[in-house]
């Protein structure tokens, strides 16, 4: 490897970390209600065909980011396991869709990649804002309120 390749590795890894964070939040945590979260993956679980297309597309982006970041083989294997489980659940009509709604496969795969990157290169200096891409639902003073963060 040349010095330029070595110097670019942390930057490439940090870009992959941020990409994984985007996918994680959109897939499994767009709407949060207490400790529960629901994302595009959960909503699309009830639309046959759309869910598998989203799951494969988002999973493919996560794996591409992992390869770009030169994640370890163990991390790639864990990510694949989580994503295959997520895809397999969605293939079972009704019961599988219900389970897939709350199974955070993309979140687990993204976190595995992020931990791998953090161990080798540290956390990126610039990350997404804390509430980016979330719709928080809460109740206060007798009325429902929603807040979005961008």
C-alpha atoms as a PDB file:
ATOM      1  CA  UNK A   1       0.000   0.000   0.000  1.00  0.00           C
ATOM      2  CA  UNK A   2       1.135   3.513  -0.703  1.00  0.00           C
ATOM      3  CA  UNK A   3       1.141   6.382   1.769  1.00  0.00           C
ATOM      4  CA  UNK A   4      -1.834   7.956  -0.024  1.00  0.00           C
ATOM      5  CA  UNK A   5      -3.881   4.786   0.379  1.00  0.00           C
ATOM      6  CA  UNK A   6      -3.046   4.589   4.078  1.00  0.00           C
ATOM      7  CA  UNK A   7      -3.911   8.270   4.603  1.00  0.00           C
ATOM      8  CA  UNK A   8      -7.263   7.880   2.833  1.00  0.00           C
ATOM      9  CA  UNK A   9      -8.326   4.787   4.811  1.00  0.00           C
ATOM     10  CA  UNK A  10      -9.623   6.621   7.917  1.00  0.00           C
ATOM     11  CA  UNK A  11     -11.530   9.129   5.808  1.00  0.00           C
ATOM     12  CA  UNK A  12     -13.115   6.338   3.736  1.00  0.00           C
ATOM     13  CA  UNK A  13     -13.981   4.439   6.929  1.00  0.00           C
ATOM     14  CA  UNK A  14     -15.541   7.508   8.530  1.00  0.00           C
ATOM     15  CA  UNK A  15     -17.646   8.114   5.415  1.00  0.00           C
ATOM     16  CA  UNK A  16     -18.826   4.487   5.689  1.00  0.00           C
ATOM     17  CA  UNK A  17     -19.657   5.062   9.386  1.00  0.00           C
ATOM     18  CA  UNK A  18     -21.855   8.054   8.486  1.00  0.00           C
ATOM     19  CA  UNK A  19     -23.524   6.123   5.632  1.00  0.00           C
ATOM     20  CA  UNK A  20     -24.269   3.261   8.038  1.00  0.00           C
ATOM     21  CA  UNK A  21     -25.787   5.754  10.503  1.00  0.00           C
ATOM     22  CA  UNK A  22     -28.106   7.135   7.820  1.00  0.00           C
ATOM     23  CA  UNK A  23     -29.279   3.662   6.819  1.00  0.00           C
ATOM     24  CA  UNK A  24     -29.654   2.612  10.454  1.00  0.00           C
ATOM     25  CA  UNK A  25     -31.864   5.553  11.314  1.00  0.00           C
ATOM     26  CA  UNK A  26     -34.019   5.408   8.184  1.00  0.00           C
ATOM     27  CA  UNK A  27     -34.473   1.648   8.301  1.00  0.00           C
ATOM     28  CA  UNK A  28     -35.288   1.109  11.944  1.00  0.00           C
ATOM     29  CA  UNK A  29     -35.732   4.390  13.824  1.00  0.00           C
ATOM     30  CA  UNK A  30     -37.661   7.003  11.821  1.00  0.00           C
ATOM     31  CA  UNK A  31     -40.500   7.027  14.363  1.00  0.00           C
ATOM     32  CA  UNK A  32     -39.721   6.376  18.018  1.00  0.00           C
ATOM     33  CA  UNK A  33     -42.206   5.793  20.782  1.00  0.00           C
ATOM     34  CA  UNK A  34     -40.249   5.276  23.968  1.00  0.00           C
ATOM     35  CA  UNK A  35     -37.783   2.429  23.488  1.00  0.00           C
ATOM     36  CA  UNK A  36     -39.568   1.151  20.356  1.00  0.00           C
ATOM     37  CA  UNK A  37     -38.653   2.351  16.923  1.00  0.00           C
ATOM     38  CA  UNK A  38     -40.197   1.924  13.498  1.00  0.00           C
ATOM     39  CA  UNK A  39     -38.540   2.720  10.224  1.00  0.00           C
ATOM     40  CA  UNK A  40     -38.988   2.208   6.509  1.00  0.00           C
ATOM     41  CA  UNK A  41     -38.135  -1.471   6.873  1.00  0.00           C
ATOM     42  CA  UNK A  42     -40.996  -1.999   9.330  1.00  0.00           C
ATOM     43  CA  UNK A  43     -43.526  -0.011   7.321  1.00  0.00           C
ATOM     44  CA  UNK A  44     -42.600  -1.720   4.068  1.00  0.00           C
ATOM     45  CA  UNK A  45     -42.762  -5.157   5.739  1.00  0.00           C
ATOM     46  CA  UNK A  46     -46.498  -5.092   5.035  1.00  0.00           C
ATOM     47  CA  UNK A  47     -46.079  -4.447   1.308  1.00  0.00           C
ATOM     48  CA  UNK A  48     -44.978  -7.643  -0.464  1.00  0.00           C
ATOM     49  CA  UNK A  49     -42.149  -6.996  -2.875  1.00  0.00           C
ATOM     50  CA  UNK A  50     -41.450  -3.461  -1.660  1.00  0.00           C
ATOM     51  CA  UNK A  51     -39.980  -4.736   1.592  1.00  0.00           C
ATOM     52  CA  UNK A  52     -37.593  -7.208  -0.013  1.00  0.00           C
ATOM     53  CA  UNK A  53     -36.481  -4.557  -2.514  1.00  0.00           C
ATOM     54  CA  UNK A  54     -35.774  -2.095   0.297  1.00  0.00           C
ATOM     55  CA  UNK A  55     -34.115  -4.714   2.513  1.00  0.00           C
ATOM     56  CA  UNK A  56     -31.807  -5.881  -0.265  1.00  0.00           C
ATOM     57  CA  UNK A  57     -31.033  -2.323  -1.412  1.00  0.00           C
ATOM     58  CA  UNK A  58     -30.261  -0.946   2.053  1.00  0.00           C
ATOM     59  CA  UNK A  59     -28.387  -4.129   2.990  1.00  0.00           C
ATOM     60  CA  UNK A  60     -26.370  -3.899  -0.211  1.00  0.00           C
ATOM     61  CA  UNK A  61     -25.398  -0.307   0.594  1.00  0.00           C
ATOM     62  CA  UNK A  62     -24.329  -1.342   4.099  1.00  0.00           C
ATOM     63  CA  UNK A  63     -22.193  -4.181   2.751  1.00  0.00           C
ATOM     64  CA  UNK A  64     -20.693  -1.927   0.069  1.00  0.00           C
ATOM     65  CA  UNK A  65     -19.796   0.596   2.790  1.00  0.00           C
ATOM     66  CA  UNK A  66     -18.232  -2.202   4.840  1.00  0.00           C
ATOM     67  CA  UNK A  67     -16.070  -3.301   1.917  1.00  0.00           C
ATOM     68  CA  UNK A  68     -15.032   0.317   1.245  1.00  0.00           C
ATOM     69  CA  UNK A  69     -14.088   0.695   4.921  1.00  0.00           C
ATOM     70  CA  UNK A  70     -12.179  -2.601   4.776  1.00  0.00           C
ATOM     71  CA  UNK A  71     -14.205  -4.101   7.623  1.00  0.00           C
ATOM     72  CA  UNK A  72     -13.003  -7.413   9.025  1.00  0.00           C
ATOM     73  CA  UNK A  73     -14.289 -10.706   7.636  1.00  0.00           C
ATOM     74  CA  UNK A  74     -16.007 -11.402  10.970  1.00  0.00           C
ATOM     75  CA  UNK A  75     -17.854  -8.071  10.796  1.00  0.00           C
ATOM     76  CA  UNK A  76     -18.948  -8.763   7.213  1.00  0.00           C
ATOM     77  CA  UNK A  77     -20.189 -12.226   8.240  1.00  0.00           C
ATOM     78  CA  UNK A  78     -22.179 -10.787  11.168  1.00  0.00           C
ATOM     79  CA  UNK A  79     -23.687  -8.132   8.936  1.00  0.00           C
ATOM     80  CA  UNK A  80     -24.702 -10.747   6.368  1.00  0.00           C
ATOM     81  CA  UNK A  81     -26.301 -12.884   9.080  1.00  0.00           C
ATOM     82  CA  UNK A  82     -28.397  -9.969  10.360  1.00  0.00           C
ATOM     83  CA  UNK A  83     -29.458  -8.940   6.855  1.00  0.00           C
ATOM     84  CA  UNK A  84     -30.311 -12.481   5.738  1.00  0.00           C
ATOM     85  CA  UNK A  85     -32.399 -12.971   8.894  1.00  0.00           C
ATOM     86  CA  UNK A  86     -34.200  -9.698   8.191  1.00  0.00           C
ATOM     87  CA  UNK A  87     -34.916 -10.747   4.590  1.00  0.00           C
ATOM     88  CA  UNK A  88     -36.002 -14.263   5.557  1.00  0.00           C
ATOM     89  CA  UNK A  89     -38.499 -12.963   8.117  1.00  0.00           C
ATOM     90  CA  UNK A  90     -40.230 -10.812   5.535  1.00  0.00           C
ATOM     91  CA  UNK A  91     -40.880 -13.815   3.281  1.00  0.00           C
ATOM     92  CA  UNK A  92     -43.358 -15.370   5.733  1.00  0.00           C
ATOM     93  CA  UNK A  93     -46.796 -13.811   5.108  1.00  0.00           C
ATOM     94  CA  UNK A  94     -48.503 -11.976   8.002  1.00  0.00           C
ATOM     95  CA  UNK A  95     -46.630 -13.544  10.964  1.00  0.00           C
ATOM     96  CA  UNK A  96     -43.242 -12.868   9.343  1.00  0.00           C
ATOM     97  CA  UNK A  97     -44.273  -9.360   8.397  1.00  0.00           C
ATOM     98  CA  UNK A  98     -45.315  -8.663  11.988  1.00  0.00           C
ATOM     99  CA  UNK A  99     -41.982  -9.919  13.348  1.00  0.00           C
ATOM    100  CA  UNK A 100     -40.031  -8.082  10.636  1.00  0.00           C
ATOM    101  CA  UNK A 101     -41.770  -4.831  11.594  1.00  0.00           C
ATOM    102  CA  UNK A 102     -39.834  -4.795  14.873  1.00  0.00           C
ATOM    103  CA  UNK A 103     -36.696  -6.828  13.989  1.00  0.00           C
ATOM    104  CA  UNK A 104     -33.872  -4.262  13.683  1.00  0.00           C
ATOM    105  CA  UNK A 105     -31.714  -6.139  11.165  1.00  0.00           C
ATOM    106  CA  UNK A 106     -30.339  -3.045   9.445  1.00  0.00           C
ATOM    107  CA  UNK A 107     -29.680  -1.398  12.797  1.00  0.00           C
ATOM    108  CA  UNK A 108     -27.715  -4.434  14.000  1.00  0.00           C
ATOM    109  CA  UNK A 109     -25.702  -4.658  10.772  1.00  0.00           C
ATOM    110  CA  UNK A 110     -24.959  -0.917  10.792  1.00  0.00           C
ATOM    111  CA  UNK A 111     -23.858  -1.007  14.437  1.00  0.00           C
ATOM    112  CA  UNK A 112     -21.547  -3.951  13.725  1.00  0.00           C
ATOM    113  CA  UNK A 113     -19.884  -1.935  10.952  1.00  0.00           C
ATOM    114  CA  UNK A 114     -19.680   1.192  13.103  1.00  0.00           C
ATOM    115  CA  UNK A 115     -18.045  -0.690  15.979  1.00  0.00           C
ATOM    116  CA  UNK A 116     -15.500  -2.192  13.582  1.00  0.00           C
ATOM    117  CA  UNK A 117     -14.653   1.273  12.242  1.00  0.00           C
ATOM    118  CA  UNK A 118     -14.478   2.812  15.718  1.00  0.00           C
ATOM    119  CA  UNK A 119     -12.041   0.119  16.886  1.00  0.00           C
ATOM    120  CA  UNK A 120      -9.697   0.741  13.968  1.00  0.00           C
ATOM    121  CA  UNK A 121     -10.074   4.476  13.250  1.00  0.00           C
ATOM    122  CA  UNK A 122     -12.105   6.008  16.090  1.00  0.00           C
ATOM    123  CA  UNK A 123     -15.469   7.691  15.775  1.00  0.00           C
ATOM    124  CA  UNK A 124     -15.730  10.170  12.888  1.00  0.00           C
ATOM    125  CA  UNK A 125     -15.113  13.780  13.900  1.00  0.00           C
ATOM    126  CA  UNK A 126     -18.328  14.889  12.206  1.00  0.00           C
ATOM    127  CA  UNK A 127     -21.469  12.767  12.550  1.00  0.00           C
ATOM    128  CA  UNK A 128     -25.158  13.255  11.898  1.00  0.00           C
ATOM    129  CA  UNK A 129     -27.061  15.418  14.366  1.00  0.00           C
ATOM    130  CA  UNK A 130     -28.521  13.390  17.242  1.00  0.00           C
ATOM    131  CA  UNK A 131     -32.175  13.523  16.133  1.00  0.00           C
ATOM    132  CA  UNK A 132     -31.523  13.485  12.377  1.00  0.00           C
ATOM    133  CA  UNK A 133     -34.248  11.659  10.466  1.00  0.00           C
ATOM    134  CA  UNK A 134     -36.460  10.955  13.493  1.00  0.00           C
ATOM    135  CA  UNK A 135     -40.043  11.702  14.266  1.00  0.00           C
ATOM    136  CA  UNK A 136     -40.535  11.652  18.010  1.00  0.00           C
ATOM    137  CA  UNK A 137     -44.038  11.225  19.341  1.00  0.00           C
ATOM    138  CA  UNK A 138     -44.823  12.392  22.825  1.00  0.00           C
ATOM    139  CA  UNK A 139     -47.787  13.484  24.854  1.00  0.00           C
ATOM    140  CA  UNK A 140     -47.877  16.582  26.996  1.00  0.00           C
ATOM    141  CA  UNK A 141     -50.500  18.897  28.526  1.00  0.00           C
ATOM    142  CA  UNK A 142     -53.366  16.829  27.194  1.00  0.00           C
ATOM    143  CA  UNK A 143     -52.463  16.961  23.540  1.00  0.00           C
ATOM    144  CA  UNK A 144     -50.246  14.982  21.237  1.00  0.00           C
ATOM    145  CA  UNK A 145     -47.154  16.703  19.903  1.00  0.00           C
ATOM    146  CA  UNK A 146     -44.665  15.705  17.282  1.00  0.00           C
ATOM    147  CA  UNK A 147     -41.227  17.029  16.561  1.00  0.00           C
ATOM    148  CA  UNK A 148     -38.953  16.355  13.659  1.00  0.00           C
ATOM    149  CA  UNK A 149     -35.255  16.964  13.567  1.00  0.00           C
ATOM    150  CA  UNK A 150     -33.174  17.536  10.500  1.00  0.00           C
END
